Amino acid sequence: MSKPASAESQLAIKDGLLNVFKFRWLFIGISLLFLVPGVYFIVSNMVDPEIQAPVRLGIDFRGGTLLEYGFSKPVSQPDVSNIREVFDAHGYTGSVIQIQQPRLGINKHAVEIGATQPESKPAAPETAAPIAAKPETDKTPAQKATPETEVLQTEAGKAESGVATIVSIRSKQLQGQDDVIIRKELESKYGHITVLQKNSIGPALAKELLSNGLLALVMAYILIVGYLTIRFQFDFAVCAMAALIHDTIFLIGMFAMFGKLFHTEVDSLFITAVLTVVGFSVHDTIVVFDRIRENNRLYFTKKVPFVTIVNMSVNQTMARSINTSMTALLTMLALYFFGGETTKDFVLAIIIGIAAGTYSSIFNASVLLAMWRNRGVASPASKAPVAATV
């Protein structure tokens, strides 16, 4: 009589269409296959004397100056070499120069920063509003203008002109009046240039930003491990952390490759993207782990193998995880293609991280947990799941 009862209880347990534990080495192999190129580029960047970091750091983390010039004449890709030669001649070698399309309302933006004025008549020097001045203090004629203020005042006195091409330049921190001299040399070749943006970050502040960003990542990992240990068990936390490390290495490896091949730099927004990806990934992992814990309690008295519970739980939550991730990915893709240039790398990092996090939550974290709990059991994958007699 016990045999039919066992068969009946076994039929009540639906293992699911996908046996994740049976193909565990395939899923782990796919993860390693995607991680290897990233690790290669990370190591390559670290030994590269120009980069000397896992990824190509932007001025937020290494210090420097970001310039955004609006050229009145069209500038093509071959002109980038000529612009770089001007910076190299003044000692600013290794500058990253990129051509961007003019944004809508670029003339309005130039007026706001003091580069041009909408009036037909040039503004008087004493009425021009220099950018370098602080909002709470008014500049009097007796005050001595800084080189930056003089440049922006000169631009404010010129008639408004259209911007045909935007050129973004990231270089070492400009000293003295070098930015004025370089701009005048470029104007002699390419006509009038409007200063759209100029940001400078010193080495001390850049080092502090980098150390704080890394500290934030480490703290996030520690808090996640502590939370998962309290809510679940320690082995759950370790497997979730392994999945998070997989996502982080994959994301950093992709941007290491982008930095090596396309000179893509990471800034403080990249740290924000990594933290966002970590939060999204651990959310998917918790959904799967929570279902595993519920099913484990439900079928504990029937002595159902833990491998079967993991397979069943993954199949029950897979559709929810994929649908949630697809909704977020569609939103991020819209922002990537139709958003601004300044947030494109940030959005790309989130897209890559969400895709990797969804995969690791389903096929890595759960598989590692099953392997952890199933160690010491003889040939679990080769045996069909057998329920204990009730």
Protein backbone atom coordinates (compact mmCIF):
# COMPACT_ATOMS: atom_id res chain seq x y z
CA MET A 1 0.00 0.00 0.00
CA SER A 2 2.94 2.33 0.55
CA LYS A 3 4.09 2.04 -3.06
CA PRO A 4 1.01 3.66 -4.68
CA ALA A 5 1.04 6.41 -2.04
CA SER A 6 4.64 7.16 -2.93
CA ALA A 7 3.85 7.33 -6.63
CA GLU A 8 0.89 9.59 -5.97
CA SER A 9 2.93 11.98 -3.86
CA GLN A 10 5.65 12.02 -6.49
CA LEU A 11 3.15 12.98 -9.20
CA ALA A 12 2.01 15.92 -7.07
CA ILE A 13 5.52 17.35 -7.25
CA LYS A 14 6.05 19.13 -10.57
CA ASP A 15 9.75 19.40 -11.23
CA GLY A 16 9.23 21.86 -14.10
CA LEU A 17 10.21 21.95 -17.74
CA LEU A 18 13.80 23.08 -17.10
CA ASN A 19 16.11 20.96 -14.98
CA VAL A 20 18.66 23.59 -13.97
CA PHE A 21 20.68 21.20 -11.83
CA LYS A 22 21.05 18.63 -14.59
CA PHE A 23 22.60 21.26 -16.89
CA ARG A 24 24.47 23.04 -14.11
CA TRP A 25 27.88 22.75 -15.75
CA LEU A 26 26.48 24.19 -18.97
CA PHE A 27 25.12 27.27 -17.17
CA ILE A 28 28.32 27.73 -15.17
CA GLY A 29 30.36 27.28 -18.35
CA ILE A 30 28.34 29.99 -20.11
CA SER A 31 29.04 32.36 -17.23
CA LEU A 32 32.77 31.62 -17.36
CA LEU A 33 32.76 32.02 -21.13
CA PHE A 34 31.40 35.56 -20.78
CA LEU A 35 33.70 36.40 -17.87
CA VAL A 36 36.98 35.38 -19.54
CA PRO A 37 37.12 38.25 -22.12
CA GLY A 38 36.29 40.78 -19.40
CA VAL A 39 38.99 39.48 -17.08
CA TYR A 40 41.47 39.60 -19.96
CA PHE A 41 40.73 43.26 -20.65
CA ILE A 42 40.82 44.09 -16.92
CA VAL A 43 44.33 42.65 -16.63
CA SER A 44 45.36 44.26 -19.92
CA ASN A 45 44.23 47.69 -18.71
CA MET A 46 46.03 47.32 -15.40
CA VAL A 47 49.38 46.67 -17.11
CA ASP A 48 48.77 49.38 -19.71
CA PRO A 49 50.88 52.44 -18.68
CA GLU A 50 48.25 54.76 -20.11
CA ILE A 51 45.33 53.34 -18.08
CA GLN A 52 46.84 51.57 -15.02
CA ALA A 53 43.40 50.58 -13.72
CA PRO A 54 40.82 47.86 -14.43
CA VAL A 55 38.80 50.40 -16.42
CA ARG A 56 39.68 53.69 -18.07
CA LEU A 57 39.04 56.23 -15.34
CA GLY A 58 37.44 59.57 -16.14
CA ILE A 59 38.36 62.92 -14.68
CA ASP A 60 36.09 62.21 -11.69
CA PHE A 61 38.59 59.60 -10.49
CA ARG A 62 41.96 60.72 -11.83
CA GLY A 63 41.56 64.49 -11.97
CA GLY A 64 41.70 66.66 -15.05
CA THR A 65 39.68 69.05 -17.17
CA LEU A 66 36.58 68.42 -19.24
CA LEU A 67 36.04 70.88 -22.08
CA GLU A 68 33.07 71.09 -24.40
CA TYR A 69 33.59 73.31 -27.43
CA GLY A 70 30.92 74.40 -29.88
CA PHE A 71 32.49 74.80 -33.35
CA SER A 72 30.74 77.15 -35.75
CA LYS A 73 32.06 75.09 -38.67
CA PRO A 74 31.52 71.36 -39.18
CA VAL A 75 34.28 69.18 -37.71
CA SER A 76 34.79 65.66 -39.05
CA GLN A 77 36.63 62.68 -37.61
CA PRO A 78 39.92 63.40 -39.45
CA ASP A 79 40.05 66.80 -37.69
CA VAL A 80 40.30 65.02 -34.32
CA SER A 81 43.98 64.27 -35.00
CA ASN A 82 44.68 67.97 -35.68
CA ILE A 83 42.91 69.00 -32.47
CA ARG A 84 44.87 66.40 -30.52
CA GLU A 85 48.15 67.72 -31.96
CA VAL A 86 47.36 71.18 -30.58
CA PHE A 87 46.85 69.73 -27.07
CA ASP A 88 49.96 67.53 -27.40
CA ALA A 89 52.05 70.56 -28.40
CA HIS A 90 51.19 72.20 -25.06
CA GLY A 91 52.03 69.09 -23.03
CA TYR A 92 48.53 67.64 -22.63
CA THR A 93 49.18 64.29 -24.23
CA GLY A 94 46.69 61.43 -24.07
CA SER A 95 43.64 63.69 -24.34
CA VAL A 96 40.39 61.95 -25.23
CA ILE A 97 38.56 63.85 -27.99
CA GLN A 98 35.06 62.95 -29.13
CA ILE A 99 32.70 64.50 -31.67
CA GLN A 100 29.06 64.89 -30.68
CA GLN A 101 25.96 66.06 -32.48
CA PRO A 102 24.59 69.48 -31.49
CA ARG A 103 21.79 69.26 -28.95
CA LEU A 104 18.44 70.94 -29.35
CA GLY A 105 18.47 74.40 -27.86
CA ILE A 106 22.27 74.63 -27.93
CA ASN A 107 22.18 78.41 -28.41
CA LYS A 108 19.93 78.77 -25.40
CA HIS A 109 22.38 76.68 -23.38
CA ALA A 110 25.25 78.86 -24.53
CA VAL A 111 23.39 81.99 -23.41
CA GLU A 112 22.79 80.52 -19.97
CA ILE A 113 26.47 79.88 -19.35
CA GLY A 114 27.44 83.31 -20.64
CA ALA A 115 28.98 82.21 -23.93
CA THR A 116 26.65 84.23 -26.18
CA GLN A 117 23.94 86.84 -25.81
CA PRO A 118 20.64 86.88 -27.66
CA GLU A 119 20.68 90.67 -28.09
CA SER A 120 22.00 92.11 -31.33
CA LYS A 121 24.18 94.56 -29.44
CA PRO A 122 27.18 93.33 -27.47
CA ALA A 123 26.77 93.60 -23.73
CA ALA A 124 28.91 96.06 -21.83
CA PRO A 125 31.70 94.51 -19.75
CA GLU A 126 30.21 95.72 -16.48
CA THR A 127 26.80 94.13 -17.24
CA ALA A 128 28.09 90.76 -18.40
CA ALA A 129 27.44 87.95 -15.98
CA PRO A 130 30.58 85.84 -15.73
CA ILE A 131 30.21 82.15 -15.01
CA ALA A 132 33.14 81.97 -12.63
CA ALA A 133 31.51 84.44 -10.21
CA LYS A 134 29.51 83.00 -7.34
CA PRO A 135 25.76 83.68 -7.34
CA GLU A 136 25.77 85.34 -3.92
CA THR A 137 28.50 87.87 -4.76
CA ASP A 138 28.34 90.57 -7.43
CA LYS A 139 31.43 91.38 -9.43
CA THR A 140 32.37 95.07 -9.25
CA PRO A 141 34.49 96.87 -11.88
CA ALA A 142 37.27 97.20 -9.31
CA GLN A 143 37.62 93.43 -9.01
CA LYS A 144 40.27 91.78 -11.12
CA ALA A 145 38.83 89.21 -13.54
CA THR A 146 40.32 85.75 -13.71
CA PRO A 147 41.45 84.30 -17.06
CA GLU A 148 38.31 82.15 -17.20
CA THR A 149 36.13 85.18 -16.52
CA GLU A 150 37.87 87.20 -19.23
CA VAL A 151 37.31 84.43 -21.77
CA LEU A 152 33.63 84.12 -20.94
CA GLN A 153 33.18 87.90 -20.99
CA THR A 154 34.76 88.02 -24.44
CA GLU A 155 32.37 85.33 -25.60
CA ALA A 156 29.44 87.21 -24.06
CA GLY A 157 30.29 90.28 -26.11
CA LYS A 158 30.10 88.44 -29.41
CA ALA A 159 26.98 88.06 -31.47
CA GLU A 160 25.17 84.75 -31.20
CA SER A 161 26.34 82.17 -33.73
CA GLY A 162 25.10 78.67 -34.45
CA VAL A 163 26.99 75.59 -33.36
CA ALA A 164 27.64 73.09 -36.14
CA THR A 165 29.66 70.53 -34.15
CA ILE A 166 30.29 69.83 -30.48
CA VAL A 167 33.72 68.52 -29.52
CA SER A 168 34.25 67.03 -26.05
CA ILE A 169 37.83 66.98 -24.74
CA ARG A 170 39.07 65.23 -21.60
CA SER A 171 42.66 66.03 -20.71
CA LYS A 172 45.02 66.51 -17.82
CA GLN A 173 44.24 69.49 -15.65
CA LEU A 174 44.84 72.68 -17.63
CA GLN A 175 47.22 75.14 -16.05
CA GLY A 176 47.15 78.94 -16.17
CA GLN A 177 45.89 80.38 -19.44
CA ASP A 178 46.63 77.29 -21.50
CA ASP A 179 42.93 76.81 -22.23
CA VAL A 180 42.76 80.33 -23.69
CA ILE A 181 45.88 79.80 -25.80
CA ILE A 182 44.71 76.42 -27.09
CA ARG A 183 41.29 77.75 -27.97
CA LYS A 184 42.77 80.66 -29.92
CA GLU A 185 44.95 78.28 -31.89
CA LEU A 186 41.93 76.17 -32.72
CA GLU A 187 39.94 79.26 -33.71
CA SER A 188 42.67 80.20 -36.18
CA LYS A 189 41.99 76.90 -37.97
CA TYR A 190 38.29 76.28 -37.43
CA GLY A 191 36.71 79.67 -36.87
CA HIS A 192 34.71 80.84 -33.86
CA ILE A 193 34.48 78.41 -30.92
CA THR A 194 31.96 78.68 -28.11
CA VAL A 195 32.90 77.39 -24.65
CA LEU A 196 29.88 75.29 -23.73
CA GLN A 197 31.32 73.62 -20.64
CA LYS A 198 34.48 73.54 -18.56
CA ASN A 199 34.90 71.37 -15.47
CA SER A 200 38.11 70.77 -13.53
CA ILE A 201 38.73 68.27 -10.73
CA GLY A 202 41.95 68.20 -8.72
CA PRO A 203 43.88 64.98 -7.99
CA ALA A 204 43.05 65.03 -4.26
CA LEU A 205 39.29 65.26 -4.85
CA ALA A 206 39.48 62.62 -7.59
CA LYS A 207 41.27 60.20 -5.25
CA GLU A 208 38.68 60.81 -2.54
CA LEU A 209 35.80 60.16 -4.96
CA LEU A 210 37.39 56.88 -6.10
CA SER A 211 38.04 55.63 -2.55
CA ASN A 212 34.52 56.57 -1.42
CA GLY A 213 32.99 54.81 -4.42
CA LEU A 214 34.91 51.59 -3.73
CA LEU A 215 34.00 51.82 -0.04
CA ALA A 216 30.33 52.11 -0.98
CA LEU A 217 30.58 48.90 -3.03
CA VAL A 218 32.27 46.99 -0.23
CA MET A 219 29.70 48.18 2.31
CA ALA A 220 26.86 47.15 -0.01
CA TYR A 221 28.27 43.61 -0.29
CA ILE A 222 28.74 43.30 3.49
CA LEU A 223 25.21 44.50 4.24
CA ILE A 224 23.73 42.14 1.64
CA VAL A 225 25.56 39.14 3.11
CA GLY A 226 24.38 40.08 6.60
CA TYR A 227 20.77 40.55 5.50
CA LEU A 228 20.62 37.26 3.58
CA THR A 229 22.27 35.39 6.47
CA ILE A 230 19.62 36.68 8.89
CA ARG A 231 16.66 36.19 6.56
CA PHE A 232 17.76 32.86 5.10
CA GLN A 233 20.92 30.96 6.03
CA PHE A 234 24.64 31.45 5.55
CA ASP A 235 24.86 29.19 2.49
CA PHE A 236 22.10 31.23 0.83
CA ALA A 237 24.13 34.39 1.46
CA VAL A 238 27.35 32.89 0.08
CA CYS A 239 25.66 31.72 -3.14
CA ALA A 240 23.96 35.09 -3.60
CA MET A 241 27.29 36.85 -3.08
CA ALA A 242 28.91 34.62 -5.71
CA ALA A 243 26.21 35.68 -8.17
CA LEU A 244 26.73 39.36 -7.30
CA ILE A 245 30.49 39.07 -7.79
CA HIS A 246 29.78 37.45 -11.17
CA ASP A 247 27.59 40.40 -12.17
CA THR A 248 30.14 42.96 -10.98
CA ILE A 249 33.09 41.34 -12.75
CA PHE A 250 31.06 40.98 -15.94
CA LEU A 251 30.00 44.63 -15.89
CA ILE A 252 33.50 45.91 -15.08
CA GLY A 253 34.95 43.59 -17.74
CA MET A 254 32.62 44.95 -20.40
CA PHE A 255 33.60 48.53 -19.62
CA ALA A 256 37.25 47.48 -19.48
CA MET A 257 36.80 46.27 -23.05
CA PHE A 258 34.98 49.46 -24.06
CA GLY A 259 37.76 51.55 -22.51
CA LYS A 260 40.45 49.61 -24.34
CA LEU A 261 38.76 49.57 -27.74
CA PHE A 262 36.62 52.74 -27.74
CA HIS A 263 38.29 54.90 -25.01
CA THR A 264 35.13 54.81 -22.90
CA GLU A 265 35.76 56.37 -19.49
CA VAL A 266 33.92 55.67 -16.25
CA ASP A 267 32.91 58.39 -13.83
CA SER A 268 31.02 58.59 -10.55
CA LEU A 269 27.81 57.60 -12.35
CA PHE A 270 29.39 54.22 -13.05
CA ILE A 271 29.58 53.51 -9.31
CA THR A 272 25.90 54.43 -9.09
CA ALA A 273 25.14 52.03 -11.94
CA VAL A 274 27.05 49.19 -10.25
CA LEU A 275 25.17 49.74 -6.98
CA THR A 276 21.88 49.81 -8.88
CA VAL A 277 22.74 46.55 -10.63
CA VAL A 278 23.71 44.94 -7.31
CA GLY A 279 20.37 45.92 -5.81
CA PHE A 280 18.40 44.69 -8.82
CA SER A 281 20.31 41.40 -8.97
CA VAL A 282 19.92 40.60 -5.29
CA HIS A 283 16.20 41.35 -5.61
CA ASP A 284 15.83 38.63 -8.27
CA THR A 285 17.95 36.25 -6.21
CA ILE A 286 15.79 36.80 -3.11
CA VAL A 287 12.65 35.99 -5.12
CA VAL A 288 14.11 32.63 -6.15
CA PHE A 289 15.55 31.87 -2.70
CA ASP A 290 12.27 32.76 -0.98
CA ARG A 291 10.41 30.27 -3.16
CA ILE A 292 13.07 27.62 -2.46
CA ARG A 293 12.62 28.16 1.29
CA GLU A 294 8.82 27.94 1.05
CA ASN A 295 8.91 24.76 -1.02
CA ASN A 296 11.53 23.26 1.27
CA ARG A 297 9.22 23.76 4.26
CA LEU A 298 6.22 22.46 2.32
CA TYR A 299 7.86 19.24 1.14
CA PHE A 300 10.15 18.71 4.12
CA THR A 301 7.98 15.97 5.64
CA LYS A 302 7.89 14.15 2.29
CA LYS A 303 11.70 14.13 2.20
CA VAL A 304 11.82 15.51 -1.31
CA PRO A 305 15.43 15.93 -2.56
CA PHE A 306 16.68 19.48 -2.34
CA VAL A 307 17.68 19.34 -6.02
CA THR A 308 14.06 18.75 -6.96
CA ILE A 309 12.94 21.65 -4.78
CA VAL A 310 15.45 23.97 -6.46
CA ASN A 311 14.35 22.93 -9.95
CA MET A 312 10.70 23.36 -9.03
CA SER A 313 11.29 26.78 -7.43
CA VAL A 314 13.30 28.12 -10.38
CA ASN A 315 10.59 27.06 -12.84
CA GLN A 316 7.92 28.69 -10.69
CA THR A 317 9.73 32.06 -10.48
CA MET A 318 11.46 32.18 -13.88
CA ALA A 319 8.60 33.87 -15.74
CA ARG A 320 8.26 36.52 -13.05
CA SER A 321 11.99 37.29 -13.02
CA ILE A 322 12.25 37.49 -16.81
CA ASN A 323 9.13 39.68 -17.15
CA THR A 324 10.37 42.07 -14.47
CA SER A 325 13.78 42.33 -16.10
CA MET A 326 12.33 42.80 -19.58
CA THR A 327 10.18 45.69 -18.34
CA ALA A 328 13.23 47.40 -16.88
CA LEU A 329 15.34 46.67 -19.99
CA LEU A 330 12.75 48.17 -22.34
CA THR A 331 12.74 51.36 -20.28
CA MET A 332 16.54 51.50 -20.22
CA LEU A 333 16.75 50.88 -23.98
CA ALA A 334 14.40 53.81 -24.59
CA LEU A 335 16.62 56.01 -22.40
CA TYR A 336 19.74 54.78 -24.18
CA PHE A 337 18.55 55.53 -27.71
CA PHE A 338 16.52 58.67 -27.01
CA GLY A 339 18.15 60.06 -23.85
CA GLY A 340 21.00 62.51 -23.54
CA GLU A 341 24.65 61.87 -24.32
CA THR A 342 25.74 62.47 -20.74
CA THR A 343 23.76 59.51 -19.36
CA LYS A 344 24.37 57.05 -22.19
CA ASP A 345 27.22 55.15 -20.51
CA PHE A 346 25.28 55.08 -17.23
CA VAL A 347 22.22 53.57 -18.93
CA LEU A 348 24.39 51.10 -20.86
CA ALA A 349 25.94 49.90 -17.60
CA ILE A 350 22.49 49.29 -16.11
CA ILE A 351 21.35 47.41 -19.24
CA ILE A 352 24.37 45.11 -19.12
CA GLY A 353 24.06 44.63 -15.36
CA ILE A 354 20.33 43.80 -15.41
CA ALA A 355 20.82 41.21 -18.16
CA ALA A 356 23.74 39.59 -16.30
CA GLY A 357 21.94 39.79 -12.96
CA THR A 358 18.82 38.08 -14.28
CA TYR A 359 20.89 35.23 -15.69
CA SER A 360 22.98 34.78 -12.54
CA SER A 361 19.94 34.84 -10.23
CA ILE A 362 18.23 32.04 -12.14
CA PHE A 363 21.09 29.87 -13.37
CA ASN A 364 23.98 30.60 -11.02
CA ALA A 365 22.78 31.38 -7.50
CA SER A 366 20.18 28.58 -7.41
CA VAL A 367 22.54 26.04 -8.99
CA LEU A 368 25.34 26.86 -6.55
CA LEU A 369 22.92 26.52 -3.64
CA ALA A 370 21.78 23.11 -4.90
CA MET A 371 25.39 21.99 -5.31
CA TRP A 372 26.19 23.22 -1.78
CA ARG A 373 23.27 21.40 -0.17
CA ASN A 374 23.68 18.31 -2.36
CA ARG A 375 27.38 17.74 -1.74
CA GLY A 376 28.11 14.25 -0.48
CA VAL A 377 24.97 12.78 -2.07
CA ALA A 378 25.87 10.06 -4.56
CA SER A 379 25.00 10.84 -8.19
CA PRO A 380 22.10 13.25 -7.55
CA ALA A 381 21.78 14.29 -11.17
CA SER A 382 21.62 10.79 -12.54
CA LYS A 383 18.82 9.70 -10.25
CA ALA A 384 15.21 10.59 -10.77
CA PRO A 385 13.74 12.55 -7.86
CA VAL A 386 12.16 10.04 -5.50
CA ALA A 387 9.81 11.14 -2.78
CA ALA A 388 9.84 9.43 0.56
CA THR A 389 6.90 7.35 1.62
CA VAL A 390 4.39 9.21 3.68
